[in-house]
Amino acid sequence: MKFAAIADIHGNCPALEAVLADIADLGITEVANLGDHVSGPLEAARTADLLIAREFPSIRGDQDRILVELWQAGHSARGDFRQLERRNFEWMAAMPPTLAYRDDVFLCHGSPRDDAAFWLEHVADDGSVRASPIDFIEAGADTIDARLILCAHTHVPRVVHLRDGRMIVNPGSVGLPGYDGQAHVPYVVEVGTPHACYAILEHTRQGWCATIRYVPYDTTAMAALARRSGMTTWATAIATGWVERDN
């Protein structure tokens, strides 16, 4: 069994198109989608319509959940919200927060219990984003029987083997390789490459194996769109993989 996992597209339709073309070139026909599909200053509606047409098994990310909550509340001034049609909101609203995929794979966005959690990484007191301790990671997976667990949210591609043999994979971000945020302290995530990122998962005689794959694409239009929207952090991350914040 072989399939691809995508996550954290954030409305970057050119990056998504490049990833889907790469998946097709490799002869892979199954794709699992881990959420945060459209949020941000890019091409929310075009991205949603492309994903709706593909009918991938998909879960709702924390930003998808927020958009659905705004829609259910009645309105929002957010640019991504204003792009979306009723069919786009209904598509996201119908998604589960987690999903058992095939017989041995579990899909979540942040962690199995919290769609907005940092799981494989954590924000340290100095604002650096570091790998989480294995005890913390294993505690988050204690109710999951699947041998392969897929998560997303942090945009950091990572493969973690638990001590009982299970594997957790974050496929990285298709559309946004860097951003800044606020936890108990301000922090920055920078992957260091502008390439779109996804994972290939394959079940072999030895068990599950994962390949993180980076796909180049023309970032010019999406970086310019982010900058016109006043999102300097997004613009520089999309263009370079690094974050330049406003002074």
C-alpha atoms as a PDB file:
ATOM      1  CA  MET A   1       0.000   0.000   0.000  1.00  0.00           C
ATOM      2  CA  LYS A   2       1.301   3.455  -0.924  1.00  0.00           C
ATOM      3  CA  PHE A   3      -0.335   6.864  -0.613  1.00  0.00           C
ATOM      4  CA  ALA A   4       0.537  10.540  -0.276  1.00  0.00           C
ATOM      5  CA  ALA A   5      -0.273  12.848   2.624  1.00  0.00           C
ATOM      6  CA  ILE A   6      -0.736  16.597   2.186  1.00  0.00           C
ATOM      7  CA  ALA A   7      -1.423  19.282   4.783  1.00  0.00           C
ATOM      8  CA  ASP A   8      -1.461  23.003   5.515  1.00  0.00           C
ATOM      9  CA  ILE A   9      -2.094  24.255   1.990  1.00  0.00           C
ATOM     10  CA  HIS A  10      -3.402  27.606   3.282  1.00  0.00           C
ATOM     11  CA  GLY A  11      -4.859  28.682  -0.037  1.00  0.00           C
ATOM     12  CA  ASN A  12      -1.606  28.353  -1.985  1.00  0.00           C
ATOM     13  CA  CYS A  13      -3.118  26.858  -5.117  1.00  0.00           C
ATOM     14  CA  PRO A  14       0.048  26.901  -7.301  1.00  0.00           C
ATOM     15  CA  ALA A  15       1.888  24.924  -4.602  1.00  0.00           C
ATOM     16  CA  LEU A  16      -0.995  22.455  -4.395  1.00  0.00           C
ATOM     17  CA  GLU A  17      -1.077  22.033  -8.168  1.00  0.00           C
ATOM     18  CA  ALA A  18       2.675  21.358  -8.208  1.00  0.00           C
ATOM     19  CA  VAL A  19       2.360  18.743  -5.451  1.00  0.00           C
ATOM     20  CA  LEU A  20      -0.587  17.001  -7.119  1.00  0.00           C
ATOM     21  CA  ALA A  21       1.311  16.903 -10.419  1.00  0.00           C
ATOM     22  CA  ASP A  22       4.316  15.376  -8.662  1.00  0.00           C
ATOM     23  CA  ILE A  23       2.115  12.773  -6.964  1.00  0.00           C
ATOM     24  CA  ALA A  24       0.561  11.871 -10.306  1.00  0.00           C
ATOM     25  CA  ASP A  25       3.988  11.624 -11.988  1.00  0.00           C
ATOM     26  CA  LEU A  26       4.992   9.076  -9.329  1.00  0.00           C
ATOM     27  CA  GLY A  27       1.934   6.972 -10.125  1.00  0.00           C
ATOM     28  CA  ILE A  28       0.373   7.467  -6.682  1.00  0.00           C
ATOM     29  CA  THR A  29      -3.420   7.539  -6.805  1.00  0.00           C
ATOM     30  CA  GLU A  30      -4.392   7.885  -3.131  1.00  0.00           C
ATOM     31  CA  VAL A  31      -4.019  11.131  -1.189  1.00  0.00           C
ATOM     32  CA  ALA A  32      -4.972  11.894   2.422  1.00  0.00           C
ATOM     33  CA  ASN A  33      -5.491  15.550   3.322  1.00  0.00           C
ATOM     34  CA  LEU A  34      -4.774  16.710   6.885  1.00  0.00           C
ATOM     35  CA  GLY A  35      -6.427  20.121   6.941  1.00  0.00           C
ATOM     36  CA  ASP A  36      -5.892  23.878   7.018  1.00  0.00           C
ATOM     37  CA  HIS A  37      -6.866  24.016   3.385  1.00  0.00           C
ATOM     38  CA  VAL A  38      -7.700  27.629   2.615  1.00  0.00           C
ATOM     39  CA  SER A  39      -7.033  30.078   5.464  1.00  0.00           C
ATOM     40  CA  GLY A  40      -4.882  33.095   4.721  1.00  0.00           C
ATOM     41  CA  PRO A  41      -4.506  35.911   2.184  1.00  0.00           C
ATOM     42  CA  LEU A  42      -4.018  33.755  -0.929  1.00  0.00           C
ATOM     43  CA  GLU A  43      -6.503  31.858  -3.151  1.00  0.00           C
ATOM     44  CA  ALA A  44      -9.010  30.372  -0.747  1.00  0.00           C
ATOM     45  CA  ALA A  45     -11.870  29.712  -3.166  1.00  0.00           C
ATOM     46  CA  ARG A  46      -9.748  28.327  -6.001  1.00  0.00           C
ATOM     47  CA  THR A  47      -7.960  25.996  -3.606  1.00  0.00           C
ATOM     48  CA  ALA A  48     -11.217  24.807  -2.045  1.00  0.00           C
ATOM     49  CA  ASP A  49     -12.804  24.119  -5.424  1.00  0.00           C
ATOM     50  CA  LEU A  50      -9.780  22.115  -6.573  1.00  0.00           C
ATOM     51  CA  LEU A  51      -9.843  19.985  -3.429  1.00  0.00           C
ATOM     52  CA  ILE A  52     -13.604  19.502  -3.602  1.00  0.00           C
ATOM     53  CA  ALA A  53     -13.222  18.166  -7.138  1.00  0.00           C
ATOM     54  CA  ARG A  54     -10.544  15.687  -6.054  1.00  0.00           C
ATOM     55  CA  GLU A  55     -12.651  14.217  -3.199  1.00  0.00           C
ATOM     56  CA  PHE A  56      -9.639  13.241  -1.080  1.00  0.00           C
ATOM     57  CA  PRO A  57     -10.236  11.741   2.372  1.00  0.00           C
ATOM     58  CA  SER A  58      -9.867  14.930   4.435  1.00  0.00           C
ATOM     59  CA  ILE A  59     -10.006  16.188   7.993  1.00  0.00           C
ATOM     60  CA  ARG A  60     -10.689  19.668   9.326  1.00  0.00           C
ATOM     61  CA  GLY A  61      -7.764  21.706  10.641  1.00  0.00           C
ATOM     62  CA  ASP A  62      -8.004  24.329  13.343  1.00  0.00           C
ATOM     63  CA  GLN A  63      -8.160  27.154  10.808  1.00  0.00           C
ATOM     64  CA  ASP A  64     -10.862  25.339   8.831  1.00  0.00           C
ATOM     65  CA  ARG A  65     -12.817  24.974  12.061  1.00  0.00           C
ATOM     66  CA  ILE A  66     -12.499  28.707  12.759  1.00  0.00           C
ATOM     67  CA  LEU A  67     -13.742  29.593   9.262  1.00  0.00           C
ATOM     68  CA  VAL A  68     -16.721  27.264   9.678  1.00  0.00           C
ATOM     69  CA  GLU A  69     -17.514  28.818  13.072  1.00  0.00           C
ATOM     70  CA  LEU A  70     -17.420  32.296  11.517  1.00  0.00           C
ATOM     71  CA  TRP A  71     -19.733  31.126   8.726  1.00  0.00           C
ATOM     72  CA  GLN A  72     -22.148  29.629  11.216  1.00  0.00           C
ATOM     73  CA  ALA A  73     -22.061  32.884  13.190  1.00  0.00           C
ATOM     74  CA  GLY A  74     -23.094  34.839  10.107  1.00  0.00           C
ATOM     75  CA  HIS A  75     -20.243  36.931   8.730  1.00  0.00           C
ATOM     76  CA  SER A  76     -16.585  37.954   8.911  1.00  0.00           C
ATOM     77  CA  ALA A  77     -14.424  40.711   7.431  1.00  0.00           C
ATOM     78  CA  ARG A  78     -11.572  38.263   6.788  1.00  0.00           C
ATOM     79  CA  GLY A  79     -10.381  38.166   3.185  1.00  0.00           C
ATOM     80  CA  ASP A  80     -10.355  34.372   2.978  1.00  0.00           C
ATOM     81  CA  PHE A  81     -13.904  34.250   4.360  1.00  0.00           C
ATOM     82  CA  ARG A  82     -15.149  36.730   1.746  1.00  0.00           C
ATOM     83  CA  GLN A  83     -13.723  34.603  -1.091  1.00  0.00           C
ATOM     84  CA  LEU A  84     -15.556  31.438  -0.094  1.00  0.00           C
ATOM     85  CA  GLU A  85     -18.963  30.301  -1.297  1.00  0.00           C
ATOM     86  CA  ARG A  86     -21.560  28.309   0.614  1.00  0.00           C
ATOM     87  CA  ARG A  87     -20.385  25.057  -1.019  1.00  0.00           C
ATOM     88  CA  ASN A  88     -16.856  25.675   0.312  1.00  0.00           C
ATOM     89  CA  PHE A  89     -18.062  26.174   3.866  1.00  0.00           C
ATOM     90  CA  GLU A  90     -20.345  23.146   3.679  1.00  0.00           C
ATOM     91  CA  TRP A  91     -17.419  21.051   2.439  1.00  0.00           C
ATOM     92  CA  MET A  92     -15.285  22.035   5.436  1.00  0.00           C
ATOM     93  CA  ALA A  93     -18.165  21.725   7.893  1.00  0.00           C
ATOM     94  CA  ALA A  94     -18.739  18.119   6.815  1.00  0.00           C
ATOM     95  CA  MET A  95     -15.167  17.068   7.595  1.00  0.00           C
ATOM     96  CA  PRO A  96     -14.355  15.164  10.793  1.00  0.00           C
ATOM     97  CA  PRO A  97     -11.594  16.423  13.122  1.00  0.00           C
ATOM     98  CA  THR A  98      -9.883  13.009  12.977  1.00  0.00           C
ATOM     99  CA  LEU A  99     -10.236  10.009  10.697  1.00  0.00           C
ATOM    100  CA  ALA A 100      -9.334   6.315  10.634  1.00  0.00           C
ATOM    101  CA  TYR A 101      -7.922   5.803   7.141  1.00  0.00           C
ATOM    102  CA  ARG A 102      -7.768   2.314   5.684  1.00  0.00           C
ATOM    103  CA  ASP A 103      -7.052  -0.283   8.373  1.00  0.00           C
ATOM    104  CA  ASP A 104      -3.905   0.972  10.057  1.00  0.00           C
ATOM    105  CA  VAL A 105      -3.667   4.773   9.667  1.00  0.00           C
ATOM    106  CA  PHE A 106      -5.001   7.549  11.918  1.00  0.00           C
ATOM    107  CA  LEU A 107      -5.300  11.134  10.682  1.00  0.00           C
ATOM    108  CA  CYS A 108      -5.340  14.201  12.933  1.00  0.00           C
ATOM    109  CA  HIS A 109      -4.384  17.833  12.483  1.00  0.00           C
ATOM    110  CA  GLY A 110      -2.629  19.035  15.631  1.00  0.00           C
ATOM    111  CA  SER A 111      -2.786  16.006  17.908  1.00  0.00           C
ATOM    112  CA  PRO A 112      -5.390  13.261  18.382  1.00  0.00           C
ATOM    113  CA  ARG A 113      -7.098  15.331  21.097  1.00  0.00           C
ATOM    114  CA  ASP A 114      -6.536  18.939  19.993  1.00  0.00           C
ATOM    115  CA  ASP A 115      -6.563  20.329  16.450  1.00  0.00           C
ATOM    116  CA  ALA A 116      -4.491  23.360  17.504  1.00  0.00           C
ATOM    117  CA  ALA A 117      -1.830  21.572  19.555  1.00  0.00           C
ATOM    118  CA  PHE A 118       1.885  21.513  18.886  1.00  0.00           C
ATOM    119  CA  TRP A 119       2.708  17.810  19.302  1.00  0.00           C
ATOM    120  CA  LEU A 120       5.962  16.691  17.702  1.00  0.00           C
ATOM    121  CA  GLU A 121       7.408  20.135  18.479  1.00  0.00           C
ATOM    122  CA  HIS A 122       6.955  22.604  21.319  1.00  0.00           C
ATOM    123  CA  VAL A 123       7.694  26.278  21.893  1.00  0.00           C
ATOM    124  CA  ALA A 124      10.476  26.679  24.461  1.00  0.00           C
ATOM    125  CA  ASP A 125      10.661  29.555  26.945  1.00  0.00           C
ATOM    126  CA  ASP A 126      13.173  31.370  24.724  1.00  0.00           C
ATOM    127  CA  GLY A 127      10.779  31.264  21.753  1.00  0.00           C
ATOM    128  CA  SER A 128      12.633  28.568  19.853  1.00  0.00           C
ATOM    129  CA  VAL A 129      10.617  25.712  18.356  1.00  0.00           C
ATOM    130  CA  ARG A 130      12.153  22.400  19.406  1.00  0.00           C
ATOM    131  CA  ALA A 131      11.444  18.687  19.047  1.00  0.00           C
ATOM    132  CA  SER A 132       9.161  17.433  21.815  1.00  0.00           C
ATOM    133  CA  PRO A 133      10.366  14.793  24.306  1.00  0.00           C
ATOM    134  CA  ILE A 134       9.388  11.234  23.427  1.00  0.00           C
ATOM    135  CA  ASP A 135       7.402  10.804  26.659  1.00  0.00           C
ATOM    136  CA  PHE A 136       5.212  13.775  25.707  1.00  0.00           C
ATOM    137  CA  ILE A 137       4.691  12.496  22.161  1.00  0.00           C
ATOM    138  CA  GLU A 138       3.829   8.985  23.334  1.00  0.00           C
ATOM    139  CA  ALA A 139       1.347  10.318  25.888  1.00  0.00           C
ATOM    140  CA  GLY A 140      -0.514  12.025  23.046  1.00  0.00           C
ATOM    141  CA  ALA A 141      -0.780   8.745  21.147  1.00  0.00           C
ATOM    142  CA  ASP A 142      -1.821   6.543  24.065  1.00  0.00           C
ATOM    143  CA  THR A 143      -5.380   5.977  22.808  1.00  0.00           C
ATOM    144  CA  ILE A 144      -4.459   5.314  19.169  1.00  0.00           C
ATOM    145  CA  ASP A 145      -4.067   1.715  17.989  1.00  0.00           C
ATOM    146  CA  ALA A 146      -3.034   2.507  14.392  1.00  0.00           C
ATOM    147  CA  ARG A 147       0.566   1.724  13.495  1.00  0.00           C
ATOM    148  CA  LEU A 148       0.841   4.900  11.417  1.00  0.00           C
ATOM    149  CA  ILE A 149      -0.354   8.258  12.765  1.00  0.00           C
ATOM    150  CA  LEU A 150      -0.338  11.365  10.588  1.00  0.00           C
ATOM    151  CA  CYS A 151      -0.473  14.871  12.028  1.00  0.00           C
ATOM    152  CA  ALA A 152       0.093  18.391  10.723  1.00  0.00           C
ATOM    153  CA  HIS A 153      -0.399  21.955  12.045  1.00  0.00           C
ATOM    154  CA  THR A 154       3.191  22.990  12.819  1.00  0.00           C
ATOM    155  CA  HIS A 155       4.257  22.899   9.125  1.00  0.00           C
ATOM    156  CA  VAL A 156       7.467  21.141  10.185  1.00  0.00           C
ATOM    157  CA  PRO A 157       8.048  17.841   8.339  1.00  0.00           C
ATOM    158  CA  ARG A 158       9.076  15.160  10.778  1.00  0.00           C
ATOM    159  CA  VAL A 159       9.130  11.387  11.212  1.00  0.00           C
ATOM    160  CA  VAL A 160       9.019  10.021  14.778  1.00  0.00           C
ATOM    161  CA  HIS A 161       9.216   6.356  15.753  1.00  0.00           C
ATOM    162  CA  LEU A 162       7.577   5.516  19.064  1.00  0.00           C
ATOM    163  CA  ARG A 163       9.238   2.965  21.298  1.00  0.00           C
ATOM    164  CA  ASP A 164       6.434   0.443  20.685  1.00  0.00           C
ATOM    165  CA  GLY A 165       7.074   0.495  16.932  1.00  0.00           C
ATOM    166  CA  ARG A 166       4.358   2.904  15.846  1.00  0.00           C
ATOM    167  CA  MET A 167       5.317   5.805  13.605  1.00  0.00           C
ATOM    168  CA  ILE A 168       4.082   9.415  13.549  1.00  0.00           C
ATOM    169  CA  VAL A 169       4.612  11.548  10.443  1.00  0.00           C
ATOM    170  CA  ASN A 170       4.033  15.241   9.853  1.00  0.00           C
ATOM    171  CA  PRO A 171       4.153  15.733   6.056  1.00  0.00           C
ATOM    172  CA  GLY A 172       5.041  19.411   6.350  1.00  0.00           C
ATOM    173  CA  SER A 173       3.224  22.225   4.592  1.00  0.00           C
ATOM    174  CA  VAL A 174       2.222  22.337   0.952  1.00  0.00           C
ATOM    175  CA  GLY A 175       1.742  26.079   0.908  1.00  0.00           C
ATOM    176  CA  LEU A 176       3.367  27.920   3.832  1.00  0.00           C
ATOM    177  CA  PRO A 177       6.930  27.018   4.912  1.00  0.00           C
ATOM    178  CA  GLY A 178       7.190  29.667   7.614  1.00  0.00           C
ATOM    179  CA  TYR A 179       5.109  31.848   9.934  1.00  0.00           C
ATOM    180  CA  ASP A 180       5.173  33.587  13.293  1.00  0.00           C
ATOM    181  CA  GLY A 181       2.886  33.081  16.260  1.00  0.00           C
ATOM    182  CA  GLN A 182       2.260  33.703  19.926  1.00  0.00           C
ATOM    183  CA  ALA A 183       2.142  30.996  22.600  1.00  0.00           C
ATOM    184  CA  HIS A 184       3.409  31.797  26.096  1.00  0.00           C
ATOM    185  CA  VAL A 185       6.122  33.701  24.174  1.00  0.00           C
ATOM    186  CA  PRO A 186       6.411  34.874  20.541  1.00  0.00           C
ATOM    187  CA  TYR A 187       7.889  32.292  18.175  1.00  0.00           C
ATOM    188  CA  VAL A 188       8.815  31.768  14.537  1.00  0.00           C
ATOM    189  CA  VAL A 189       8.669  28.610  12.441  1.00  0.00           C
ATOM    190  CA  GLU A 190      10.985  28.549   9.416  1.00  0.00           C
ATOM    191  CA  VAL A 191      11.477  25.414   7.339  1.00  0.00           C
ATOM    192  CA  GLY A 192      14.229  27.022   5.274  1.00  0.00           C
ATOM    193  CA  THR A 193      13.054  26.115   1.775  1.00  0.00           C
ATOM    194  CA  PRO A 194      10.286  27.655  -0.338  1.00  0.00           C
ATOM    195  CA  HIS A 195       9.465  24.305  -1.927  1.00  0.00           C
ATOM    196  CA  ALA A 196       6.059  22.729  -1.411  1.00  0.00           C
ATOM    197  CA  CYS A 197       6.286  19.754   0.930  1.00  0.00           C
ATOM    198  CA  TYR A 198       4.362  16.510   1.326  1.00  0.00           C
ATOM    199  CA  ALA A 199       4.933  12.900   2.397  1.00  0.00           C
ATOM    200  CA  ILE A 200       4.749   9.519   0.736  1.00  0.00           C
ATOM    201  CA  LEU A 201       3.789   6.640   3.012  1.00  0.00           C
ATOM    202  CA  GLU A 202       4.326   3.017   2.020  1.00  0.00           C
ATOM    203  CA  HIS A 203       3.597  -0.220   3.836  1.00  0.00           C
ATOM    204  CA  THR A 204       6.364  -2.774   3.283  1.00  0.00           C
ATOM    205  CA  ARG A 205       7.266  -6.157   4.773  1.00  0.00           C
ATOM    206  CA  GLN A 206       9.225  -4.314   7.437  1.00  0.00           C
ATOM    207  CA  GLY A 207       6.316  -1.982   8.269  1.00  0.00           C
ATOM    208  CA  TRP A 208       5.529   1.612   7.366  1.00  0.00           C
ATOM    209  CA  CYS A 209       8.158   3.833   5.798  1.00  0.00           C
ATOM    210  CA  ALA A 210       7.939   7.541   5.032  1.00  0.00           C
ATOM    211  CA  THR A 211       9.542   9.807   2.465  1.00  0.00           C
ATOM    212  CA  ILE A 212       9.350  13.591   2.794  1.00  0.00           C
ATOM    213  CA  ARG A 213       9.301  15.138  -0.658  1.00  0.00           C
ATOM    214  CA  TYR A 214       9.975  18.761  -1.652  1.00  0.00           C
ATOM    215  CA  VAL A 215       8.560  20.145  -4.903  1.00  0.00           C
ATOM    216  CA  PRO A 216       9.773  23.392  -6.498  1.00  0.00           C
ATOM    217  CA  TYR A 217       7.227  25.739  -8.048  1.00  0.00           C
ATOM    218  CA  ASP A 218       7.024  29.389  -9.058  1.00  0.00           C
ATOM    219  CA  THR A 219       6.380  31.235  -5.790  1.00  0.00           C
ATOM    220  CA  THR A 220       6.287  34.720  -7.347  1.00  0.00           C
ATOM    221  CA  ALA A 221       2.535  35.236  -7.622  1.00  0.00           C
ATOM    222  CA  MET A 222       1.651  33.939  -4.155  1.00  0.00           C
ATOM    223  CA  ALA A 223       4.455  35.864  -2.438  1.00  0.00           C
ATOM    224  CA  ALA A 224       3.298  39.046  -4.199  1.00  0.00           C
ATOM    225  CA  LEU A 225      -0.332  38.389  -3.238  1.00  0.00           C
ATOM    226  CA  ALA A 226       0.642  37.933   0.404  1.00  0.00           C
ATOM    227  CA  ARG A 227       2.667  41.148   0.351  1.00  0.00           C
ATOM    228  CA  ARG A 228      -0.205  43.117  -1.211  1.00  0.00           C
ATOM    229  CA  SER A 229      -2.376  41.844   1.627  1.00  0.00           C
ATOM    230  CA  GLY A 230       0.091  43.241   4.173  1.00  0.00           C
ATOM    231  CA  MET A 231       1.387  39.797   5.213  1.00  0.00           C
ATOM    232  CA  THR A 232       5.158  40.299   5.132  1.00  0.00           C
ATOM    233  CA  THR A 233       5.816  37.129   7.124  1.00  0.00           C
ATOM    234  CA  TRP A 234       3.845  35.040   4.623  1.00  0.00           C
ATOM    235  CA  ALA A 235       5.418  36.784   1.626  1.00  0.00           C
ATOM    236  CA  THR A 236       8.995  36.148   2.715  1.00  0.00           C
ATOM    237  CA  ALA A 237       8.256  32.603   3.884  1.00  0.00           C
ATOM    238  CA  ILE A 238       6.623  31.675   0.574  1.00  0.00           C
ATOM    239  CA  ALA A 239       9.441  33.243  -1.426  1.00  0.00           C
ATOM    240  CA  THR A 240      12.397  31.974   0.608  1.00  0.00           C
ATOM    241  CA  GLY A 241      11.356  29.537   3.350  1.00  0.00           C
ATOM    242  CA  TRP A 242      12.464  32.093   5.938  1.00  0.00           C
ATOM    243  CA  VAL A 243      10.458  34.711   7.836  1.00  0.00           C
ATOM    244  CA  GLU A 244      11.111  38.418   7.654  1.00  0.00           C
ATOM    245  CA  ARG A 245       8.875  40.310  10.046  1.00  0.00           C
ATOM    246  CA  ASP A 246       7.710  43.916   9.762  1.00  0.00           C
ATOM    247  CA  ASN A 247       9.904  46.381  11.618  1.00  0.00           C
END
